[in-house]
């Protein structure tokens, strides 16, 4: 069962039936609902897939970027790991200044 009041479910099913998206079949006092067209499942699956891809992309984007002054973001690829900070600091600084120059940021 679902954790939604029966009145809400009934109203939604009524709207779906009015648009011929679901069919009904009665068996005594029980009413069975089914989809009128199997393509509805395909459409819902496609929409779900698009939304999941967008959520994954947004999560990856949040993990990859680090906010800096002025609301601009620089990629974490320019931030060295602690083990490589000493040896790669000048290389990282060059990368940051190059990216800042390309995006219009100044020191």
PDB file of N, CA and C in Angstrom:
ATOM      1  N   UNK A   1       0.842  -1.189   0.000  1.00  0.00           N
ATOM      2  CA  UNK A   1       0.000   0.000   0.000  1.00  0.00           C
ATOM      3  C   UNK A   1       0.886   1.250   0.000  1.00  0.00           C
ATOM      4  N   UNK A   2       0.284   2.369  -0.333  1.00  0.00           N
ATOM      5  CA  UNK A   2       1.011   3.634  -0.342  1.00  0.00           C
ATOM      6  C   UNK A   2       0.538   4.507   0.797  1.00  0.00           C
ATOM      7  N   UNK A   3       1.413   5.384   1.247  1.00  0.00           N
ATOM      8  CA  UNK A   3       1.122   6.239   2.403  1.00  0.00           C
ATOM      9  C   UNK A   3       0.490   7.554   1.955  1.00  0.00           C
ATOM     10  N   UNK A   4      -0.597   7.450   1.202  1.00  0.00           N
ATOM     11  CA  UNK A   4      -1.315   8.618   0.715  1.00  0.00           C
ATOM     12  C   UNK A   4      -2.788   8.416   1.072  1.00  0.00           C
ATOM     13  N   UNK A   5      -3.463   9.466   1.509  1.00  0.00           N
ATOM     14  CA  UNK A   5      -4.888   9.301   1.834  1.00  0.00           C
ATOM     15  C   UNK A   5      -5.685   8.757   0.644  1.00  0.00           C
ATOM     16  N   UNK A   6      -6.631   7.883   0.930  1.00  0.00           N
ATOM     17  CA  UNK A   6      -7.455   7.253  -0.103  1.00  0.00           C
ATOM     18  C   UNK A   6      -8.183   8.285  -0.961  1.00  0.00           C
ATOM     19  N   UNK A   7      -8.586   9.401  -0.360  1.00  0.00           N
ATOM     20  CA  UNK A   7      -9.285  10.442  -1.126  1.00  0.00           C
ATOM     21  C   UNK A   7      -8.374  11.035  -2.206  1.00  0.00           C
ATOM     22  N   UNK A   8      -7.076  11.211  -1.892  1.00  0.00           N
ATOM     23  CA  UNK A   8      -6.134  11.725  -2.893  1.00  0.00           C
ATOM     24  C   UNK A   8      -5.964  10.737  -4.044  1.00  0.00           C
ATOM     25  N   UNK A   9      -5.807   9.464  -3.698  1.00  0.00           N
ATOM     26  CA  UNK A   9      -5.652   8.432  -4.723  1.00  0.00           C
ATOM     27  C   UNK A   9      -6.887   8.404  -5.609  1.00  0.00           C
ATOM     28  N   UNK A  10      -8.040   8.462  -4.996  1.00  0.00           N
ATOM     29  CA  UNK A  10      -9.297   8.433  -5.741  1.00  0.00           C
ATOM     30  C   UNK A  10      -9.411   9.615  -6.703  1.00  0.00           C
ATOM     31  N   UNK A  11      -9.032  10.803  -6.252  1.00  0.00           N
ATOM     32  CA  UNK A  11      -9.081  11.990  -7.113  1.00  0.00           C
ATOM     33  C   UNK A  11      -8.111  11.861  -8.281  1.00  0.00           C
ATOM     34  N   UNK A  12      -6.907  11.369  -8.027  1.00  0.00           N
ATOM     35  CA  UNK A  12      -5.930  11.200  -9.096  1.00  0.00           C
ATOM     36  C   UNK A  12      -6.391  10.167 -10.119  1.00  0.00           C
ATOM     37  N   UNK A  13      -6.915   9.056  -9.632  1.00  0.00           N
ATOM     38  CA  UNK A  13      -7.423   8.033 -10.551  1.00  0.00           C
ATOM     39  C   UNK A  13      -8.592   8.552 -11.378  1.00  0.00           C
ATOM     40  N   UNK A  14      -9.418   9.372 -10.762  1.00  0.00           N
ATOM     41  CA  UNK A  14     -10.550   9.965 -11.480  1.00  0.00           C
ATOM     42  C   UNK A  14     -10.063  10.865 -12.617  1.00  0.00           C
ATOM     43  N   UNK A  15      -9.031  11.661 -12.348  1.00  0.00           N
ATOM     44  CA  UNK A  15      -8.462  12.527 -13.391  1.00  0.00           C
ATOM     45  C   UNK A  15      -7.822  11.705 -14.508  1.00  0.00           C
ATOM     46  N   UNK A  16      -7.106  10.662 -14.140  1.00  0.00           N
ATOM     47  CA  UNK A  16      -6.485   9.799 -15.145  1.00  0.00           C
ATOM     48  C   UNK A  16      -7.538   9.098 -16.001  1.00  0.00           C
ATOM     49  N   UNK A  17      -8.634   8.680 -15.367  1.00  0.00           N
ATOM     50  CA  UNK A  17      -9.718   8.027 -16.109  1.00  0.00           C
ATOM     51  C   UNK A  17     -10.405   9.012 -17.044  1.00  0.00           C
ATOM     52  N   UNK A  18     -10.601  10.255 -16.604  1.00  0.00           N
ATOM     53  CA  UNK A  18     -11.241  11.281 -17.434  1.00  0.00           C
ATOM     54  C   UNK A  18     -10.419  11.570 -18.687  1.00  0.00           C
ATOM     55  N   UNK A  19      -9.096  11.396 -18.607  1.00  0.00           N
ATOM     56  CA  UNK A  19      -8.212  11.629 -19.751  1.00  0.00           C
ATOM     57  C   UNK A  19      -7.943  10.342 -20.535  1.00  0.00           C
ATOM     58  N   UNK A  20      -8.645   9.277 -20.202  1.00  0.00           N
ATOM     59  CA  UNK A  20      -8.522   7.960 -20.850  1.00  0.00           C
ATOM     60  C   UNK A  20      -7.105   7.381 -20.735  1.00  0.00           C
ATOM     61  N   UNK A  21      -6.424   7.690 -19.641  1.00  0.00           N
ATOM     62  CA  UNK A  21      -5.096   7.134 -19.415  1.00  0.00           C
ATOM     63  C   UNK A  21      -5.158   5.814 -18.659  1.00  0.00           C
ATOM     64  N   UNK A  22      -6.258   5.595 -17.920  1.00  0.00           N
ATOM     65  CA  UNK A  22      -6.464   4.328 -17.226  1.00  0.00           C
ATOM     66  C   UNK A  22      -7.832   3.758 -17.589  1.00  0.00           C
ATOM     67  N   UNK A  23      -7.935   2.435 -17.465  1.00  0.00           N
ATOM     68  CA  UNK A  23      -9.204   1.742 -17.665  1.00  0.00           C
ATOM     69  C   UNK A  23      -9.611   1.126 -16.343  1.00  0.00           C
ATOM     70  N   UNK A  24     -10.888   0.912 -16.169  1.00  0.00           N
ATOM     71  CA  UNK A  24     -11.370   0.300 -14.932  1.00  0.00           C
ATOM     72  C   UNK A  24     -12.102  -1.002 -15.241  1.00  0.00           C
ATOM     73  N   UNK A  25     -12.063  -1.882 -14.224  1.00  0.00           N
ATOM     74  CA  UNK A  25     -12.808  -3.132 -14.298  1.00  0.00           C
ATOM     75  C   UNK A  25     -13.330  -3.392 -12.899  1.00  0.00           C
ATOM     76  N   UNK A  26     -14.620  -3.676 -12.790  1.00  0.00           N
ATOM     77  CA  UNK A  26     -15.229  -3.940 -11.487  1.00  0.00           C
ATOM     78  C   UNK A  26     -15.394  -5.433 -11.266  1.00  0.00           C
ATOM     79  N   UNK A  27     -15.117  -5.829 -10.032  1.00  0.00           N
ATOM     80  CA  UNK A  27     -15.348  -7.202  -9.609  1.00  0.00           C
ATOM     81  C   UNK A  27     -16.008  -7.122  -8.241  1.00  0.00           C
ATOM     82  N   UNK A  28     -17.326  -7.124  -8.223  1.00  0.00           N
ATOM     83  CA  UNK A  28     -18.073  -6.903  -6.982  1.00  0.00           C
ATOM     84  C   UNK A  28     -17.919  -5.444  -6.570  1.00  0.00           C
ATOM     85  N   UNK A  29     -17.430  -5.242  -5.353  1.00  0.00           N
ATOM     86  CA  UNK A  29     -17.207  -3.877  -4.889  1.00  0.00           C
ATOM     87  C   UNK A  29     -15.788  -3.375  -5.190  1.00  0.00           C
ATOM     88  N   UNK A  30     -14.951  -4.238  -5.693  1.00  0.00           N
ATOM     89  CA  UNK A  30     -13.567  -3.881  -5.978  1.00  0.00           C
ATOM     90  C   UNK A  30     -13.452  -3.329  -7.393  1.00  0.00           C
ATOM     91  N   UNK A  31     -12.725  -2.219  -7.517  1.00  0.00           N
ATOM     92  CA  UNK A  31     -12.472  -1.615  -8.827  1.00  0.00           C
ATOM     93  C   UNK A  31     -10.988  -1.775  -9.127  1.00  0.00           C
ATOM     94  N   UNK A  32     -10.675  -2.341 -10.277  1.00  0.00           N
ATOM     95  CA  UNK A  32      -9.296  -2.530 -10.713  1.00  0.00           C
ATOM     96  C   UNK A  32      -8.973  -1.492 -11.777  1.00  0.00           C
ATOM     97  N   UNK A  33      -7.822  -0.868 -11.635  1.00  0.00           N
ATOM     98  CA  UNK A  33      -7.367   0.130 -12.602  1.00  0.00           C
ATOM     99  C   UNK A  33      -6.163  -0.431 -13.362  1.00  0.00           C
ATOM    100  N   UNK A  34      -6.108  -0.144 -14.658  1.00  0.00           N
ATOM    101  CA  UNK A  34      -4.951  -0.535 -15.457  1.00  0.00           C
ATOM    102  C   UNK A  34      -4.678   0.566 -16.472  1.00  0.00           C
ATOM    103  N   UNK A  35      -3.449   0.598 -16.953  1.00  0.00           N
ATOM    104  CA  UNK A  35      -3.083   1.611 -17.942  1.00  0.00           C
ATOM    105  C   UNK A  35      -3.779   1.318 -19.271  1.00  0.00           C
ATOM    106  N   UNK A  36      -4.267   2.363 -19.899  1.00  0.00           N
ATOM    107  CA  UNK A  36      -4.967   2.211 -21.172  1.00  0.00           C
ATOM    108  C   UNK A  36      -4.003   1.973 -22.318  1.00  0.00           C
ATOM    109  N   UNK A  37      -2.765   2.422 -22.173  1.00  0.00           N
ATOM    110  CA  UNK A  37      -1.776   2.299 -23.246  1.00  0.00           C
ATOM    111  C   UNK A  37      -0.423   1.968 -22.618  1.00  0.00           C
ATOM    112  N   UNK A  38       0.204   0.906 -23.068  1.00  0.00           N
ATOM    113  CA  UNK A  38       1.490   0.477 -22.512  1.00  0.00           C
ATOM    114  C   UNK A  38       2.598   1.505 -22.733  1.00  0.00           C
ATOM    115  N   UNK A  39       2.431   2.391 -23.701  1.00  0.00           N
ATOM    116  CA  UNK A  39       3.452   3.412 -23.953  1.00  0.00           C
ATOM    117  C   UNK A  39       3.579   4.386 -22.790  1.00  0.00           C
ATOM    118  N   UNK A  40       2.576   4.447 -21.935  1.00  0.00           N
ATOM    119  CA  UNK A  40       2.646   5.320 -20.752  1.00  0.00           C
ATOM    120  C   UNK A  40       3.799   4.877 -19.856  1.00  0.00           C
ATOM    121  N   UNK A  41       3.978   3.566 -19.719  1.00  0.00           N
ATOM    122  CA  UNK A  41       5.092   3.046 -18.915  1.00  0.00           C
ATOM    123  C   UNK A  41       6.417   3.462 -19.543  1.00  0.00           C
ATOM    124  N   UNK A  42       6.524   3.350 -20.864  1.00  0.00           N
ATOM    125  CA  UNK A  42       7.753   3.747 -21.548  1.00  0.00           C
ATOM    126  C   UNK A  42       8.030   5.233 -21.342  1.00  0.00           C
ATOM    127  N   UNK A  43       6.982   6.051 -21.427  1.00  0.00           N
ATOM    128  CA  UNK A  43       7.155   7.499 -21.241  1.00  0.00           C
ATOM    129  C   UNK A  43       7.611   7.808 -19.815  1.00  0.00           C
ATOM    130  N   UNK A  44       7.007   7.166 -18.835  1.00  0.00           N
ATOM    131  CA  UNK A  44       7.398   7.382 -17.431  1.00  0.00           C
ATOM    132  C   UNK A  44       8.823   6.913 -17.183  1.00  0.00           C
ATOM    133  N   UNK A  45       9.198   5.794 -17.780  1.00  0.00           N
ATOM    134  CA  UNK A  45      10.559   5.271 -17.638  1.00  0.00           C
ATOM    135  C   UNK A  45      11.569   6.242 -18.242  1.00  0.00           C
ATOM    136  N   UNK A  46      11.233   6.785 -19.405  1.00  0.00           N
ATOM    137  CA  UNK A  46      12.117   7.743 -20.063  1.00  0.00           C
ATOM    138  C   UNK A  46      12.279   9.017 -19.220  1.00  0.00           C
ATOM    139  N   UNK A  47      11.186   9.549 -18.719  1.00  0.00           N
ATOM    140  CA  UNK A  47      11.240  10.762 -17.896  1.00  0.00           C
ATOM    141  C   UNK A  47      12.049  10.496 -16.628  1.00  0.00           C
ATOM    142  N   UNK A  48      11.836   9.337 -16.009  1.00  0.00           N
ATOM    143  CA  UNK A  48      12.590   8.983 -14.802  1.00  0.00           C
ATOM    144  C   UNK A  48      14.080   8.919 -15.106  1.00  0.00           C
ATOM    145  N   UNK A  49      14.435   8.332 -16.228  1.00  0.00           N
ATOM    146  CA  UNK A  49      15.834   8.217 -16.624  1.00  0.00           C
ATOM    147  C   UNK A  49      16.476   9.594 -16.817  1.00  0.00           C
ATOM    148  N   UNK A  50      15.755  10.486 -17.481  1.00  0.00           N
ATOM    149  CA  UNK A  50      16.275  11.846 -17.703  1.00  0.00           C
ATOM    150  C   UNK A  50      16.480  12.555 -16.370  1.00  0.00           C
ATOM    151  N   UNK A  51      15.513  12.448 -15.475  1.00  0.00           N
ATOM    152  CA  UNK A  51      15.627  13.114 -14.172  1.00  0.00           C
ATOM    153  C   UNK A  51      16.780  12.534 -13.348  1.00  0.00           C
ATOM    154  N   UNK A  52      16.956  11.215 -13.373  1.00  0.00           N
ATOM    155  CA  UNK A  52      18.076  10.599 -12.649  1.00  0.00           C
ATOM    156  C   UNK A  52      19.415  11.061 -13.213  1.00  0.00           C
ATOM    157  N   UNK A  53      19.520  11.138 -14.542  1.00  0.00           N
ATOM    158  CA  UNK A  53      20.756  11.627 -15.157  1.00  0.00           C
ATOM    159  C   UNK A  53      21.053  13.056 -14.730  1.00  0.00           C
ATOM    160  N   UNK A  54      20.022  13.900 -14.681  1.00  0.00           N
ATOM    161  CA  UNK A  54      20.212  15.291 -14.262  1.00  0.00           C
ATOM    162  C   UNK A  54      20.662  15.365 -12.809  1.00  0.00           C
ATOM    163  N   UNK A  55      20.084  14.530 -11.950  1.00  0.00           N
ATOM    164  CA  UNK A  55      20.469  14.526 -10.546  1.00  0.00           C
ATOM    165  C   UNK A  55      21.917  14.070 -10.382  1.00  0.00           C
ATOM    166  N   UNK A  56      22.313  13.025 -11.112  1.00  0.00           N
ATOM    167  CA  UNK A  56      23.688  12.534 -11.039  1.00  0.00           C
ATOM    168  C   UNK A  56      24.666  13.588 -11.538  1.00  0.00           C
ATOM    169  N   UNK A  57      24.302  14.247 -12.623  1.00  0.00           N
ATOM    170  CA  UNK A  57      25.168  15.279 -13.193  1.00  0.00           C
ATOM    171  C   UNK A  57      25.322  16.443 -12.219  1.00  0.00           C
ATOM    172  N   UNK A  58      24.240  16.843 -11.591  1.00  0.00           N
ATOM    173  CA  UNK A  58      24.302  17.940 -10.625  1.00  0.00           C
ATOM    174  C   UNK A  58      25.163  17.556  -9.420  1.00  0.00           C
ATOM    175  N   UNK A  59      25.052  16.309  -8.974  1.00  0.00           N
ATOM    176  CA  UNK A  59      25.855  15.853  -7.838  1.00  0.00           C
ATOM    177  C   UNK A  59      27.340  15.832  -8.206  1.00  0.00           C
ATOM    178  N   UNK A  60      27.664  15.346  -9.416  1.00  0.00           N
ATOM    179  CA  UNK A  60      29.063  15.338  -9.850  1.00  0.00           C
ATOM    180  C   UNK A  60      29.590  16.760  -9.961  1.00  0.00           C
ATOM    181  N   UNK A  61      28.772  17.649 -10.470  1.00  0.00           N
ATOM    182  CA  UNK A  61      29.183  19.043 -10.644  1.00  0.00           C
ATOM    183  C   UNK A  61      29.472  19.690  -9.292  1.00  0.00           C
ATOM    184  N   UNK A  62      28.642  19.406  -8.295  1.00  0.00           N
ATOM    185  CA  UNK A  62      28.863  19.966  -6.958  1.00  0.00           C
ATOM    186  C   UNK A  62      30.144  19.421  -6.346  1.00  0.00           C
ATOM    187  N   UNK A  63      30.450  18.140  -6.584  1.00  0.00           N
ATOM    188  CA  UNK A  63      31.657  17.547  -6.015  1.00  0.00           C
ATOM    189  C   UNK A  63      32.920  18.050  -6.700  1.00  0.00           C
ATOM    190  N   UNK A  64      32.841  18.372  -7.990  1.00  0.00           N
ATOM    191  CA  UNK A  64      34.026  18.754  -8.753  1.00  0.00           C
ATOM    192  C   UNK A  64      34.407  20.214  -8.599  1.00  0.00           C
ATOM    193  N   UNK A  65      33.497  21.060  -8.196  1.00  0.00           N
ATOM    194  CA  UNK A  65      33.825  22.483  -8.197  1.00  0.00           C
ATOM    195  C   UNK A  65      34.021  23.011  -6.788  1.00  0.00           C
ATOM    196  N   UNK A  66      34.878  24.017  -6.695  1.00  0.00           N
ATOM    197  CA  UNK A  66      35.175  24.676  -5.441  1.00  0.00           C
ATOM    198  C   UNK A  66      34.888  26.155  -5.623  1.00  0.00           C
ATOM    199  N   UNK A  67      34.018  26.731  -4.784  1.00  0.00           N
ATOM    200  CA  UNK A  67      33.707  28.141  -4.960  1.00  0.00           C
ATOM    201  C   UNK A  67      34.903  29.036  -4.626  1.00  0.00           C
ATOM    202  N   UNK A  68      35.058  30.106  -5.371  1.00  0.00           N
ATOM    203  CA  UNK A  68      36.086  31.107  -5.104  1.00  0.00           C
ATOM    204  C   UNK A  68      35.439  32.474  -5.140  1.00  0.00           C
ATOM    205  N   UNK A  69      36.233  33.493  -4.889  1.00  0.00           N
ATOM    206  CA  UNK A  69      35.734  34.859  -4.828  1.00  0.00           C
ATOM    207  C   UNK A  69      34.916  35.224  -6.076  1.00  0.00           C
ATOM    208  N   UNK A  70      33.841  35.970  -5.885  1.00  0.00           N
ATOM    209  CA  UNK A  70      33.035  36.439  -6.997  1.00  0.00           C
ATOM    210  C   UNK A  70      32.035  35.407  -7.498  1.00  0.00           C
ATOM    211  N   UNK A  71      31.849  34.310  -6.770  1.00  0.00           N
ATOM    212  CA  UNK A  71      30.884  33.305  -7.160  1.00  0.00           C
ATOM    213  C   UNK A  71      31.326  32.415  -8.308  1.00  0.00           C
ATOM    214  N   UNK A  72      32.574  32.565  -8.780  1.00  0.00           N
ATOM    215  CA  UNK A  72      33.060  31.703  -9.860  1.00  0.00           C
ATOM    216  C   UNK A  72      33.596  30.409  -9.267  1.00  0.00           C
ATOM    217  N   UNK A  73      33.647  29.392 -10.089  1.00  0.00           N
ATOM    218  CA  UNK A  73      34.127  28.102  -9.628  1.00  0.00           C
ATOM    219  C   UNK A  73      35.358  27.693 -10.414  1.00  0.00           C
ATOM    220  N   UNK A  74      36.287  27.106  -9.711  1.00  0.00           N
ATOM    221  CA  UNK A  74      37.465  26.525 -10.352  1.00  0.00           C
ATOM    222  C   UNK A  74      37.422  25.025 -10.117  1.00  0.00           C
ATOM    223  N   UNK A  75      37.830  24.284 -11.077  1.00  0.00           N
ATOM    224  CA  UNK A  75      37.817  22.833 -10.973  1.00  0.00           C
ATOM    225  C   UNK A  75      38.813  22.361  -9.928  1.00  0.00           C
ATOM    226  N   UNK A  76      38.488  21.271  -9.231  1.00  0.00           N
ATOM    227  CA  UNK A  76      39.383  20.706  -8.220  1.00  0.00           C
ATOM    228  C   UNK A  76      40.656  20.151  -8.839  1.00  0.00           C
ATOM    229  N   UNK A  77      40.695  19.990 -10.158  1.00  0.00           N
ATOM    230  CA  UNK A  77      41.896  19.433 -10.765  1.00  0.00           C
ATOM    231  C   UNK A  77      43.112  20.307 -10.500  1.00  0.00           C
ATOM    232  N   UNK A  78      42.888  21.564 -10.130  1.00  0.00           N
ATOM    233  CA  UNK A  78      43.999  22.470  -9.860  1.00  0.00           C
ATOM    234  C   UNK A  78      44.422  22.436  -8.400  1.00  0.00           C
ATOM    235  N   UNK A  79      43.686  21.738  -7.563  1.00  0.00           N
ATOM    236  CA  UNK A  79      44.007  21.689  -6.137  1.00  0.00           C
ATOM    237  C   UNK A  79      44.827  20.426  -5.883  1.00  0.00           C
ATOM    238  N   UNK A  80      46.065  20.565  -5.418  1.00  0.00           N
ATOM    239  CA  UNK A  80      46.927  19.394  -5.244  1.00  0.00           C
ATOM    240  C   UNK A  80      46.545  18.584  -4.010  1.00  0.00           C
ATOM    241  N   UNK A  81      46.887  17.303  -4.035  1.00  0.00           N
ATOM    242  CA  UNK A  81      46.712  16.483  -2.849  1.00  0.00           C
ATOM    243  C   UNK A  81      47.786  16.899  -1.846  1.00  0.00           C
ATOM    244  N   UNK A  82      47.617  16.563  -0.588  1.00  0.00           N
ATOM    245  CA  UNK A  82      48.586  16.977   0.438  1.00  0.00           C
ATOM    246  C   UNK A  82      49.967  16.401   0.171  1.00  0.00           C
ATOM    247  N   UNK A  83      50.014  15.192  -0.358  1.00  0.00           N
ATOM    248  CA  UNK A  83      51.308  14.565  -0.622  1.00  0.00           C
ATOM    249  C   UNK A  83      52.073  15.288  -1.719  1.00  0.00           C
ATOM    250  N   UNK A  84      51.365  15.902  -2.655  1.00  0.00           N
ATOM    251  CA  UNK A  84      52.026  16.541  -3.787  1.00  0.00           C
ATOM    252  C   UNK A  84      52.066  18.067  -3.672  1.00  0.00           C
ATOM    253  N   UNK A  85      51.641  18.613  -2.558  1.00  0.00           N
ATOM    254  CA  UNK A  85      51.595  20.062  -2.425  1.00  0.00           C
ATOM    255  C   UNK A  85      52.957  20.711  -2.605  1.00  0.00           C
ATOM    256  N   UNK A  86      53.990  20.138  -1.971  1.00  0.00           N
ATOM    257  CA  UNK A  86      55.312  20.761  -2.047  1.00  0.00           C
ATOM    258  C   UNK A  86      55.879  20.704  -3.452  1.00  0.00           C
ATOM    259  N   UNK A  87      55.788  19.522  -4.094  1.00  0.00           N
ATOM    260  CA  UNK A  87      56.411  19.385  -5.407  1.00  0.00           C
ATOM    261  C   UNK A  87      55.614  20.036  -6.524  1.00  0.00           C
ATOM    262  N   UNK A  88      54.303  20.150  -6.366  1.00  0.00           N
ATOM    263  CA  UNK A  88      53.494  20.635  -7.475  1.00  0.00           C
ATOM    264  C   UNK A  88      52.902  22.013  -7.286  1.00  0.00           C
ATOM    265  N   UNK A  89      53.323  22.736  -6.256  1.00  0.00           N
ATOM    266  CA  UNK A  89      52.709  24.028  -5.976  1.00  0.00           C
ATOM    267  C   UNK A  89      52.861  25.005  -7.130  1.00  0.00           C
ATOM    268  N   UNK A  90      54.037  25.099  -7.724  1.00  0.00           N
ATOM    269  CA  UNK A  90      54.216  26.066  -8.804  1.00  0.00           C
ATOM    270  C   UNK A  90      53.388  25.676 -10.024  1.00  0.00           C
ATOM    271  N   UNK A  91      53.293  24.367 -10.323  1.00  0.00           N
ATOM    272  CA  UNK A  91      52.496  23.901 -11.449  1.00  0.00           C
ATOM    273  C   UNK A  91      51.014  24.215 -11.212  1.00  0.00           C
ATOM    274  N   UNK A  92      50.569  24.007  -9.983  1.00  0.00           N
ATOM    275  CA  UNK A  92      49.177  24.288  -9.636  1.00  0.00           C
ATOM    276  C   UNK A  92      48.906  25.782  -9.752  1.00  0.00           C
ATOM    277  N   UNK A  93      49.826  26.604  -9.255  1.00  0.00           N
ATOM    278  CA  UNK A  93      49.640  28.047  -9.333  1.00  0.00           C
ATOM    279  C   UNK A  93      49.550  28.502 -10.781  1.00  0.00           C
ATOM    280  N   UNK A  94      50.379  27.919 -11.645  1.00  0.00           N
ATOM    281  CA  UNK A  94      50.317  28.259 -13.061  1.00  0.00           C
ATOM    282  C   UNK A  94      48.957  27.898 -13.639  1.00  0.00           C
ATOM    283  N   UNK A  95      48.447  26.724 -13.271  1.00  0.00           N
ATOM    284  CA  UNK A  95      47.128  26.305 -13.757  1.00  0.00           C
ATOM    285  C   UNK A  95      46.029  27.225 -13.282  1.00  0.00           C
ATOM    286  N   UNK A  96      46.100  27.617 -12.008  1.00  0.00           N
ATOM    287  CA  UNK A  96      45.085  28.538 -11.472  1.00  0.00           C
ATOM    288  C   UNK A  96      45.130  29.889 -12.170  1.00  0.00           C
ATOM    289  N   UNK A  97      46.319  30.419 -12.359  1.00  0.00           N
ATOM    290  CA  UNK A  97      46.407  31.723 -13.000  1.00  0.00           C
ATOM    291  C   UNK A  97      45.976  31.649 -14.458  1.00  0.00           C
ATOM    292  N   UNK A  98      46.271  30.548 -15.138  1.00  0.00           N
ATOM    293  CA  UNK A  98      45.817  30.402 -16.519  1.00  0.00           C
ATOM    294  C   UNK A  98      44.294  30.331 -16.580  1.00  0.00           C
ATOM    295  N   UNK A  99      43.688  29.537 -15.699  1.00  0.00           N
ATOM    296  CA  UNK A  99      42.234  29.425 -15.703  1.00  0.00           C
ATOM    297  C   UNK A  99      41.592  30.745 -15.303  1.00  0.00           C
ATOM    298  N   UNK A 100      42.184  31.429 -14.331  1.00  0.00           N
ATOM    299  CA  UNK A 100      41.646  32.725 -13.922  1.00  0.00           C
ATOM    300  C   UNK A 100      41.712  33.725 -15.074  1.00  0.00           C
ATOM    301  N   UNK A 101      42.806  33.705 -15.828  1.00  0.00           N
ATOM    302  CA  UNK A 101      42.939  34.613 -16.969  1.00  0.00           C
ATOM    303  C   UNK A 101      41.896  34.300 -18.030  1.00  0.00           C
ATOM    304  N   UNK A 102      41.621  33.013 -18.245  1.00  0.00           N
ATOM    305  CA  UNK A 102      40.634  32.631 -19.254  1.00  0.00           C
ATOM    306  C   UNK A 102      39.221  33.008 -18.838  1.00  0.00           C
ATOM    307  N   UNK A 103      38.918  32.965 -17.537  1.00  0.00           N
ATOM    308  CA  UNK A 103      37.568  33.272 -17.069  1.00  0.00           C
ATOM    309  C   UNK A 103      37.396  34.723 -16.660  1.00  0.00           C
ATOM    310  N   UNK A 104      38.464  35.510 -16.739  1.00  0.00           N
ATOM    311  CA  UNK A 104      38.359  36.928 -16.413  1.00  0.00           C
ATOM    312  C   UNK A 104      38.627  37.263 -14.957  1.00  0.00           C
ATOM    313  N   UNK A 105      39.049  36.276 -14.159  1.00  0.00           N
ATOM    314  CA  UNK A 105      39.380  36.548 -12.761  1.00  0.00           C
ATOM    315  C   UNK A 105      40.764  37.159 -12.677  1.00  0.00           C
ATOM    316  N   UNK A 106      40.977  37.994 -11.684  1.00  0.00           N
ATOM    317  CA  UNK A 106      42.299  38.571 -11.471  1.00  0.00           C
ATOM    318  C   UNK A 106      42.741  38.292 -10.053  1.00  0.00           C
ATOM    319  N   UNK A 107      44.058  38.345  -9.852  1.00  0.00           N
ATOM    320  CA  UNK A 107      44.579  38.100  -8.505  1.00  0.00           C
ATOM    321  C   UNK A 107      44.154  39.154  -7.545  1.00  0.00           C
TER     322      UNK A 107
END
